[in-house]
């Protein structure tokens, strides 16, 4: 009797697996729809638009420092660096990496860490010429970029992690 029950159980499992395979491979399935919300940590059009508006309202680096939690990256000898807070507001993130150059130009990079911050994975840059660029990608903690000129620094931001430039005009 025990042997019969084992054989019957094996037959039932085989039948169930066969029917499951028929269902999976023969029966039509509804296509999965894209999620309505943005993927956390991969960039946010909503935050990008907001930060772009805020940056465009600033006419100087001092005004940027009044609106955001700003820091700079100071290069030290032997390839080292340190982070120096240059302004702090009572607001929570976003933070902004700011840099001024010897020729008087400057850049501000507003961003949010991909790991749990609202708008995570979003970077919006604005420079003294008024140019604004938006990037989505993985932001690991503090944004890090270097360069002795605005062009070098901007290129370093473009090359950060897996950043890709996006257009807010094409977004929904």
C-alpha atoms as a PDB file:
ATOM      1  CA  UNK A   1       0.000   0.000   0.000  1.00  0.00           C
ATOM      2  CA  UNK A   2       2.846   2.364   0.877  1.00  0.00           C
ATOM      3  CA  UNK A   3       4.484   1.744  -2.503  1.00  0.00           C
ATOM      4  CA  UNK A   4       1.183   2.493  -4.266  1.00  0.00           C
ATOM      5  CA  UNK A   5       0.803   5.824  -2.422  1.00  0.00           C
ATOM      6  CA  UNK A   6       4.346   6.871  -3.347  1.00  0.00           C
ATOM      7  CA  UNK A   7       3.751   5.993  -7.017  1.00  0.00           C
ATOM      8  CA  UNK A   8       0.440   7.898  -6.980  1.00  0.00           C
ATOM      9  CA  UNK A   9       2.109  10.960  -5.432  1.00  0.00           C
ATOM     10  CA  UNK A  10       4.851  10.873  -8.083  1.00  0.00           C
ATOM     11  CA  UNK A  11       2.220  10.589 -10.828  1.00  0.00           C
ATOM     12  CA  UNK A  12       0.288  13.565  -9.407  1.00  0.00           C
ATOM     13  CA  UNK A  13       3.439  15.686  -9.188  1.00  0.00           C
ATOM     14  CA  UNK A  14       4.366  14.750 -12.765  1.00  0.00           C
ATOM     15  CA  UNK A  15       0.863  15.643 -13.960  1.00  0.00           C
ATOM     16  CA  UNK A  16       0.928  18.967 -12.098  1.00  0.00           C
ATOM     17  CA  UNK A  17       4.332  19.826 -13.565  1.00  0.00           C
ATOM     18  CA  UNK A  18       3.173  18.919 -17.071  1.00  0.00           C
ATOM     19  CA  UNK A  19       0.055  21.064 -16.763  1.00  0.00           C
ATOM     20  CA  UNK A  20       2.132  23.915 -15.331  1.00  0.00           C
ATOM     21  CA  UNK A  21       4.536  23.762 -18.278  1.00  0.00           C
ATOM     22  CA  UNK A  22       1.613  23.788 -20.733  1.00  0.00           C
ATOM     23  CA  UNK A  23       0.177  26.815 -18.960  1.00  0.00           C
ATOM     24  CA  UNK A  24       3.505  28.656 -18.885  1.00  0.00           C
ATOM     25  CA  UNK A  25       4.537  28.010 -22.472  1.00  0.00           C
ATOM     26  CA  UNK A  26       1.294  27.600 -24.416  1.00  0.00           C
ATOM     27  CA  UNK A  27      -1.328  29.754 -22.752  1.00  0.00           C
ATOM     28  CA  UNK A  28      -1.290  33.485 -23.647  1.00  0.00           C
ATOM     29  CA  UNK A  29      -0.250  35.820 -20.845  1.00  0.00           C
ATOM     30  CA  UNK A  30      -0.945  39.470 -20.230  1.00  0.00           C
ATOM     31  CA  UNK A  31       2.159  41.632 -20.668  1.00  0.00           C
ATOM     32  CA  UNK A  32       3.486  43.198 -17.501  1.00  0.00           C
ATOM     33  CA  UNK A  33       2.798  46.893 -17.439  1.00  0.00           C
ATOM     34  CA  UNK A  34       5.451  49.421 -16.498  1.00  0.00           C
ATOM     35  CA  UNK A  35       5.097  50.726 -12.966  1.00  0.00           C
ATOM     36  CA  UNK A  36       3.311  54.054 -12.725  1.00  0.00           C
ATOM     37  CA  UNK A  37       5.819  55.464 -10.268  1.00  0.00           C
ATOM     38  CA  UNK A  38       9.499  56.167 -10.810  1.00  0.00           C
ATOM     39  CA  UNK A  39      11.990  53.585  -9.578  1.00  0.00           C
ATOM     40  CA  UNK A  40      13.443  54.697  -6.221  1.00  0.00           C
ATOM     41  CA  UNK A  41      17.091  55.676  -6.416  1.00  0.00           C
ATOM     42  CA  UNK A  42      17.171  55.926 -10.213  1.00  0.00           C
ATOM     43  CA  UNK A  43      16.328  59.604 -10.637  1.00  0.00           C
ATOM     44  CA  UNK A  44      13.186  61.676 -10.335  1.00  0.00           C
ATOM     45  CA  UNK A  45      11.756  64.053 -12.938  1.00  0.00           C
ATOM     46  CA  UNK A  46       9.692  65.719 -10.213  1.00  0.00           C
ATOM     47  CA  UNK A  47      12.744  66.520  -8.076  1.00  0.00           C
ATOM     48  CA  UNK A  48      14.801  67.500 -11.118  1.00  0.00           C
ATOM     49  CA  UNK A  49      12.194  70.068 -12.152  1.00  0.00           C
ATOM     50  CA  UNK A  50      11.997  71.465  -8.636  1.00  0.00           C
ATOM     51  CA  UNK A  51      15.782  71.743  -8.221  1.00  0.00           C
ATOM     52  CA  UNK A  52      16.164  73.263 -11.695  1.00  0.00           C
ATOM     53  CA  UNK A  53      13.627  75.978 -10.791  1.00  0.00           C
ATOM     54  CA  UNK A  54      15.425  76.660  -7.508  1.00  0.00           C
ATOM     55  CA  UNK A  55      18.851  76.812  -9.165  1.00  0.00           C
ATOM     56  CA  UNK A  56      17.663  79.091 -11.960  1.00  0.00           C
ATOM     57  CA  UNK A  57      16.335  81.490  -9.320  1.00  0.00           C
ATOM     58  CA  UNK A  58      19.890  81.884  -7.986  1.00  0.00           C
ATOM     59  CA  UNK A  59      22.007  84.589  -9.591  1.00  0.00           C
ATOM     60  CA  UNK A  60      25.187  83.789  -7.690  1.00  0.00           C
ATOM     61  CA  UNK A  61      26.935  81.028  -5.811  1.00  0.00           C
ATOM     62  CA  UNK A  62      26.132  82.872  -2.575  1.00  0.00           C
ATOM     63  CA  UNK A  63      22.416  82.546  -3.356  1.00  0.00           C
ATOM     64  CA  UNK A  64      22.871  78.821  -4.006  1.00  0.00           C
ATOM     65  CA  UNK A  65      24.560  78.512  -0.609  1.00  0.00           C
ATOM     66  CA  UNK A  66      21.536  80.128   1.037  1.00  0.00           C
ATOM     67  CA  UNK A  67      19.084  77.654  -0.500  1.00  0.00           C
ATOM     68  CA  UNK A  68      20.918  74.336  -0.216  1.00  0.00           C
ATOM     69  CA  UNK A  69      23.171  72.387   2.141  1.00  0.00           C
ATOM     70  CA  UNK A  70      26.423  73.090   0.283  1.00  0.00           C
ATOM     71  CA  UNK A  71      29.875  71.609   0.551  1.00  0.00           C
ATOM     72  CA  UNK A  72      33.112  71.657  -1.410  1.00  0.00           C
ATOM     73  CA  UNK A  73      35.736  69.028  -1.953  1.00  0.00           C
ATOM     74  CA  UNK A  74      39.193  70.282  -1.058  1.00  0.00           C
ATOM     75  CA  UNK A  75      42.078  68.493  -2.686  1.00  0.00           C
ATOM     76  CA  UNK A  76      45.029  67.793  -0.472  1.00  0.00           C
ATOM     77  CA  UNK A  77      48.460  66.527  -1.399  1.00  0.00           C
ATOM     78  CA  UNK A  78      49.101  62.962  -2.521  1.00  0.00           C
ATOM     79  CA  UNK A  79      45.716  62.636  -4.228  1.00  0.00           C
ATOM     80  CA  UNK A  80      43.662  62.937  -1.052  1.00  0.00           C
ATOM     81  CA  UNK A  81      40.628  65.100  -0.500  1.00  0.00           C
ATOM     82  CA  UNK A  82      38.397  66.367   2.263  1.00  0.00           C
ATOM     83  CA  UNK A  83      34.809  67.530   2.357  1.00  0.00           C
ATOM     84  CA  UNK A  84      34.168  71.000   3.770  1.00  0.00           C
ATOM     85  CA  UNK A  85      30.663  72.187   4.622  1.00  0.00           C
ATOM     86  CA  UNK A  86      30.254  75.758   3.316  1.00  0.00           C
ATOM     87  CA  UNK A  87      26.624  76.399   4.153  1.00  0.00           C
ATOM     88  CA  UNK A  88      23.876  74.739   6.018  1.00  0.00           C
ATOM     89  CA  UNK A  89      20.197  75.371   6.047  1.00  0.00           C
ATOM     90  CA  UNK A  90      17.611  74.041   8.425  1.00  0.00           C
ATOM     91  CA  UNK A  91      16.169  72.106   5.496  1.00  0.00           C
ATOM     92  CA  UNK A  92      16.830  68.437   4.926  1.00  0.00           C
ATOM     93  CA  UNK A  93      18.568  67.283   1.736  1.00  0.00           C
ATOM     94  CA  UNK A  94      19.167  67.844  -1.099  1.00  0.00           C
ATOM     95  CA  UNK A  95      22.799  68.656  -0.775  1.00  0.00           C
ATOM     96  CA  UNK A  96      24.829  70.630  -3.281  1.00  0.00           C
ATOM     97  CA  UNK A  97      28.442  70.218  -4.288  1.00  0.00           C
ATOM     98  CA  UNK A  98      29.708  73.687  -5.197  1.00  0.00           C
ATOM     99  CA  UNK A  99      32.930  74.789  -6.811  1.00  0.00           C
ATOM    100  CA  UNK A 100      34.306  78.173  -7.826  1.00  0.00           C
ATOM    101  CA  UNK A 101      37.183  78.520 -10.266  1.00  0.00           C
ATOM    102  CA  UNK A 102      40.121  80.903 -10.625  1.00  0.00           C
ATOM    103  CA  UNK A 103      38.468  82.660 -13.591  1.00  0.00           C
ATOM    104  CA  UNK A 104      35.421  83.579 -11.464  1.00  0.00           C
ATOM    105  CA  UNK A 105      33.070  80.966 -12.897  1.00  0.00           C
ATOM    106  CA  UNK A 106      31.246  78.515 -10.640  1.00  0.00           C
ATOM    107  CA  UNK A 107      29.064  75.412 -10.646  1.00  0.00           C
ATOM    108  CA  UNK A 108      26.493  73.969  -8.247  1.00  0.00           C
ATOM    109  CA  UNK A 109      25.464  70.311  -8.359  1.00  0.00           C
ATOM    110  CA  UNK A 110      22.273  69.571  -6.412  1.00  0.00           C
ATOM    111  CA  UNK A 111      21.735  65.875  -5.823  1.00  0.00           C
ATOM    112  CA  UNK A 112      20.239  63.150  -3.648  1.00  0.00           C
ATOM    113  CA  UNK A 113      21.814  59.864  -2.594  1.00  0.00           C
ATOM    114  CA  UNK A 114      20.224  56.868  -4.315  1.00  0.00           C
ATOM    115  CA  UNK A 115      19.965  55.027  -1.002  1.00  0.00           C
ATOM    116  CA  UNK A 116      16.759  56.227   0.591  1.00  0.00           C
ATOM    117  CA  UNK A 117      16.656  59.973  -0.052  1.00  0.00           C
ATOM    118  CA  UNK A 118      13.701  61.570  -1.830  1.00  0.00           C
ATOM    119  CA  UNK A 119      14.711  62.119  -5.451  1.00  0.00           C
ATOM    120  CA  UNK A 120      17.605  59.693  -5.040  1.00  0.00           C
ATOM    121  CA  UNK A 121      19.729  59.239  -8.132  1.00  0.00           C
ATOM    122  CA  UNK A 122      19.010  62.747  -9.417  1.00  0.00           C
ATOM    123  CA  UNK A 123      21.740  65.321 -10.104  1.00  0.00           C
ATOM    124  CA  UNK A 124      20.977  68.822 -11.400  1.00  0.00           C
ATOM    125  CA  UNK A 125      23.868  71.132 -12.249  1.00  0.00           C
ATOM    126  CA  UNK A 126      23.818  74.844 -12.894  1.00  0.00           C
ATOM    127  CA  UNK A 127      26.846  76.960 -13.710  1.00  0.00           C
ATOM    128  CA  UNK A 128      27.625  80.675 -13.759  1.00  0.00           C
ATOM    129  CA  UNK A 129      26.737  80.822 -17.477  1.00  0.00           C
ATOM    130  CA  UNK A 130      23.191  79.743 -16.615  1.00  0.00           C
ATOM    131  CA  UNK A 131      23.527  76.291 -18.186  1.00  0.00           C
ATOM    132  CA  UNK A 132      21.493  73.591 -16.474  1.00  0.00           C
ATOM    133  CA  UNK A 133      22.019  69.855 -16.945  1.00  0.00           C
ATOM    134  CA  UNK A 134      20.049  66.969 -15.433  1.00  0.00           C
ATOM    135  CA  UNK A 135      21.485  63.507 -14.826  1.00  0.00           C
ATOM    136  CA  UNK A 136      19.971  60.276 -13.527  1.00  0.00           C
ATOM    137  CA  UNK A 137      22.016  57.388 -12.210  1.00  0.00           C
ATOM    138  CA  UNK A 138      23.411  55.852  -9.068  1.00  0.00           C
ATOM    139  CA  UNK A 139      24.635  58.389  -6.509  1.00  0.00           C
ATOM    140  CA  UNK A 140      26.808  56.815  -3.824  1.00  0.00           C
ATOM    141  CA  UNK A 141      26.572  59.008  -0.718  1.00  0.00           C
ATOM    142  CA  UNK A 142      28.280  62.338  -1.390  1.00  0.00           C
ATOM    143  CA  UNK A 143      28.694  63.337  -5.015  1.00  0.00           C
ATOM    144  CA  UNK A 144      32.376  63.555  -5.910  1.00  0.00           C
ATOM    145  CA  UNK A 145      33.805  65.507  -8.840  1.00  0.00           C
ATOM    146  CA  UNK A 146      37.089  67.283  -9.512  1.00  0.00           C
ATOM    147  CA  UNK A 147      38.516  69.722 -12.011  1.00  0.00           C
ATOM    148  CA  UNK A 148      40.562  72.911 -12.206  1.00  0.00           C
ATOM    149  CA  UNK A 149      38.241  74.477 -14.785  1.00  0.00           C
ATOM    150  CA  UNK A 150      34.476  74.535 -15.213  1.00  0.00           C
ATOM    151  CA  UNK A 151      34.789  72.290 -18.266  1.00  0.00           C
ATOM    152  CA  UNK A 152      36.938  69.698 -16.456  1.00  0.00           C
ATOM    153  CA  UNK A 153      34.608  69.668 -13.463  1.00  0.00           C
ATOM    154  CA  UNK A 154      31.479  69.383 -15.650  1.00  0.00           C
ATOM    155  CA  UNK A 155      33.010  66.476 -17.564  1.00  0.00           C
ATOM    156  CA  UNK A 156      33.853  64.745 -14.281  1.00  0.00           C
ATOM    157  CA  UNK A 157      30.221  65.042 -13.161  1.00  0.00           C
ATOM    158  CA  UNK A 158      29.107  63.559 -16.502  1.00  0.00           C
ATOM    159  CA  UNK A 159      31.455  60.624 -15.923  1.00  0.00           C
ATOM    160  CA  UNK A 160      30.334  59.998 -12.326  1.00  0.00           C
ATOM    161  CA  UNK A 161      29.131  56.446 -11.718  1.00  0.00           C
ATOM    162  CA  UNK A 162      26.573  55.501 -14.382  1.00  0.00           C
ATOM    163  CA  UNK A 163      25.139  58.996 -14.916  1.00  0.00           C
ATOM    164  CA  UNK A 164      23.134  59.643 -18.056  1.00  0.00           C
ATOM    165  CA  UNK A 165      21.943  63.077 -19.084  1.00  0.00           C
ATOM    166  CA  UNK A 166      18.179  63.427 -19.440  1.00  0.00           C
ATOM    167  CA  UNK A 167      15.942  66.084 -20.898  1.00  0.00           C
ATOM    168  CA  UNK A 168      13.123  67.411 -18.749  1.00  0.00           C
ATOM    169  CA  UNK A 169      11.347  68.617 -21.896  1.00  0.00           C
ATOM    170  CA  UNK A 170      10.761  65.023 -23.026  1.00  0.00           C
ATOM    171  CA  UNK A 171       9.554  63.790 -19.622  1.00  0.00           C
ATOM    172  CA  UNK A 172       5.933  63.200 -18.713  1.00  0.00           C
END
